[in-house]
Amino acid sequence: MIADPQLNPAAVELGSFFRQPPDAVWRALTEPDLLERWLLRPTGFAASVGTHFRFTIPDSSINEIICEVLAARPCKQLTYSWMYPQAEHPARWIVDWTLQPQGRGTRLLLTQTGFDIEDRRQKMVRNATERSWKRLVLPRLGEVIHH
């Protein structure tokens, strides 16, 4: 996973390469049973623009994330809003997954925007979010895609 320093410093932007074709990566991003294995269990999710859904977080004081699908182009792009309504300082982010065929595999770019890095707290949240995607979530996604 490579972060490009020329990209938006207020965004989390991480690229990954998977040896599987875009349809395999798309399934991991959009099938609820697969999503639950690497991210969280979605309720009411469909890869269709305008779909409101939520992720539930077991054993957490912030026990749900409210989302809306903003873009869904099969095997190309999935974008949704991401909001913790119970957070002490609620924020709304946009999570975008862009898939590009590369050889026999797929280049996946994750972009999460909506951080105000002028705000110290939000800058810390942005940095923690990037570490979490890079060290925990994307490796689990890779494990799900490879099986």
Protein backbone atom coordinates (compact mmCIF):
# COMPACT_ATOMS: atom_id res chain seq x y z
CA MET A 1 0.00 0.00 0.00
CA ILE A 2 1.47 3.27 -1.11
CA ALA A 3 0.33 6.74 -0.07
CA ASP A 4 1.17 9.36 -2.72
CA PRO A 5 2.48 12.59 -1.12
CA GLN A 6 1.08 14.59 -4.08
CA LEU A 7 -2.46 13.65 -3.11
CA ASN A 8 -4.80 15.59 -0.80
CA PRO A 9 -3.18 15.76 2.69
CA ALA A 10 -6.62 16.06 4.30
CA ALA A 11 -7.72 12.75 2.75
CA VAL A 12 -6.72 9.18 3.48
CA GLU A 13 -5.62 7.74 0.12
CA LEU A 14 -4.27 4.21 -0.03
CA GLY A 15 -3.59 2.05 -3.07
CA SER A 16 -3.48 -1.74 -3.04
CA PHE A 17 -2.93 -4.37 -5.71
CA PHE A 18 -4.75 -7.71 -5.67
CA ARG A 19 -3.96 -10.61 -7.98
CA GLN A 20 -7.68 -11.28 -8.43
CA PRO A 21 -9.82 -9.65 -11.16
CA PRO A 22 -12.09 -6.66 -10.42
CA ASP A 23 -15.22 -8.81 -10.06
CA ALA A 24 -13.63 -10.72 -7.14
CA VAL A 25 -12.64 -7.45 -5.44
CA TRP A 26 -16.11 -5.99 -6.13
CA ARG A 27 -17.77 -9.01 -4.45
CA ALA A 28 -15.65 -8.47 -1.31
CA LEU A 29 -16.71 -4.81 -1.25
CA THR A 30 -20.42 -5.44 -1.83
CA GLU A 31 -21.55 -8.86 -0.58
CA PRO A 32 -22.73 -8.49 3.05
CA ASP A 33 -21.30 -11.84 4.22
CA LEU A 34 -17.88 -10.96 2.76
CA LEU A 35 -18.03 -7.35 4.01
CA GLU A 36 -18.61 -8.63 7.53
CA ARG A 37 -15.44 -10.76 7.33
CA TRP A 38 -13.10 -7.81 6.69
CA LEU A 39 -14.96 -4.67 7.78
CA LEU A 40 -18.28 -4.74 9.65
CA ARG A 41 -21.71 -6.34 9.31
CA PRO A 42 -23.90 -4.13 7.08
CA THR A 43 -27.66 -3.88 7.59
CA GLY A 44 -29.79 -2.85 4.63
CA PHE A 45 -26.82 -2.61 2.24
CA ALA A 46 -27.18 -2.81 -1.52
CA ALA A 47 -24.67 -1.48 -4.06
CA SER A 48 -27.28 0.92 -5.42
CA VAL A 49 -27.16 4.75 -5.34
CA GLY A 50 -29.42 6.19 -2.65
CA THR A 51 -29.41 3.07 -0.47
CA HIS A 52 -29.28 3.97 3.23
CA PHE A 53 -27.60 1.33 5.38
CA ARG A 54 -25.68 0.98 8.58
CA PHE A 55 -22.71 -0.89 9.94
CA THR A 56 -23.03 -2.13 13.50
CA ILE A 57 -20.03 -2.26 15.80
CA PRO A 58 -20.36 -4.88 18.54
CA ASP A 59 -19.01 -4.02 21.98
CA SER A 60 -18.48 -0.32 21.24
CA SER A 61 -19.94 2.85 22.70
CA ILE A 62 -20.23 4.11 19.11
CA ASN A 63 -22.28 1.10 18.08
CA GLU A 64 -23.36 2.07 14.60
CA ILE A 65 -22.22 3.89 11.51
CA ILE A 66 -24.90 5.45 9.30
CA CYS A 67 -24.15 5.32 5.57
CA GLU A 68 -25.63 6.14 2.17
CA VAL A 69 -24.44 4.79 -1.18
CA LEU A 70 -23.43 7.81 -3.32
CA ALA A 71 -21.96 6.00 -6.34
CA ALA A 72 -22.06 2.38 -7.49
CA ARG A 73 -20.51 1.36 -10.80
CA PRO A 74 -20.05 -2.44 -10.70
CA CYS A 75 -16.40 -3.52 -10.73
CA LYS A 76 -15.32 0.14 -11.07
CA GLN A 77 -16.38 2.33 -8.12
CA LEU A 78 -18.29 2.22 -4.84
CA THR A 79 -18.72 5.40 -2.78
CA TYR A 80 -20.65 5.89 0.45
CA SER A 81 -21.01 8.41 3.25
CA TRP A 82 -19.86 7.30 6.71
CA MET A 83 -21.13 8.96 9.90
CA TYR A 84 -20.98 8.09 13.60
CA PRO A 85 -24.15 9.74 14.97
CA GLN A 86 -23.34 8.95 18.62
CA ALA A 87 -19.77 10.27 18.53
CA GLU A 88 -18.83 13.08 20.89
CA HIS A 89 -17.87 15.15 17.82
CA PRO A 90 -19.92 13.71 14.91
CA ALA A 91 -18.29 13.96 11.52
CA ARG A 92 -19.36 12.85 8.06
CA TRP A 93 -16.81 11.25 5.80
CA ILE A 94 -16.95 9.93 2.27
CA VAL A 95 -15.36 6.52 1.61
CA ASP A 96 -14.59 5.80 -2.04
CA TRP A 97 -13.30 2.56 -3.54
CA THR A 98 -12.03 2.79 -7.14
CA LEU A 99 -11.13 -0.43 -8.97
CA GLN A 100 -8.95 -0.56 -12.07
CA PRO A 101 -7.94 -3.69 -13.96
CA GLN A 102 -4.17 -4.08 -13.98
CA GLY A 103 -2.79 -7.07 -15.84
CA ARG A 104 -4.69 -10.08 -14.49
CA GLY A 105 -5.34 -8.33 -11.17
CA THR A 106 -6.91 -5.20 -9.74
CA ARG A 107 -5.53 -1.90 -8.51
CA LEU A 108 -7.78 -0.67 -5.68
CA LEU A 109 -7.66 2.92 -4.45
CA LEU A 110 -9.33 3.76 -1.14
CA THR A 111 -10.01 7.46 -0.58
CA GLN A 112 -11.63 8.75 2.60
CA THR A 113 -12.40 12.48 2.68
CA GLY A 114 -14.14 14.90 5.02
CA PHE A 115 -11.36 15.53 7.56
CA ASP A 116 -10.60 19.10 8.60
CA ILE A 117 -6.86 18.93 9.23
CA GLU A 118 -6.84 22.52 10.51
CA ASP A 119 -8.63 21.07 13.56
CA ARG A 120 -6.10 19.24 15.76
CA ARG A 121 -8.61 16.59 16.88
CA GLN A 122 -9.70 15.88 13.30
CA LYS A 123 -6.08 15.68 12.16
CA MET A 124 -5.46 13.05 14.85
CA VAL A 125 -8.59 11.15 13.77
CA ARG A 126 -7.44 11.30 10.14
CA ASN A 127 -4.01 9.88 11.04
CA ALA A 128 -5.51 7.12 13.22
CA THR A 129 -7.98 6.27 10.46
CA GLU A 130 -5.19 5.94 7.92
CA ARG A 131 -3.22 3.64 10.24
CA SER A 132 -6.31 1.50 10.85
CA TRP A 133 -7.08 1.08 7.13
CA LYS A 134 -3.42 0.36 6.33
CA ARG A 135 -2.55 -2.01 9.18
CA LEU A 136 -5.84 -3.76 9.93
CA VAL A 137 -8.65 -3.36 7.45
CA LEU A 138 -6.95 -3.58 4.04
CA PRO A 139 -4.91 -6.67 5.01
CA ARG A 140 -8.16 -8.37 6.11
CA LEU A 141 -9.77 -7.35 2.80
CA GLY A 142 -6.85 -8.98 1.01
CA GLU A 143 -7.38 -12.21 2.96
CA VAL A 144 -11.08 -12.27 2.02
CA ILE A 145 -10.34 -11.59 -1.67
CA HIS A 146 -7.67 -14.31 -1.81
CA HIS A 147 -10.04 -17.03 -0.54
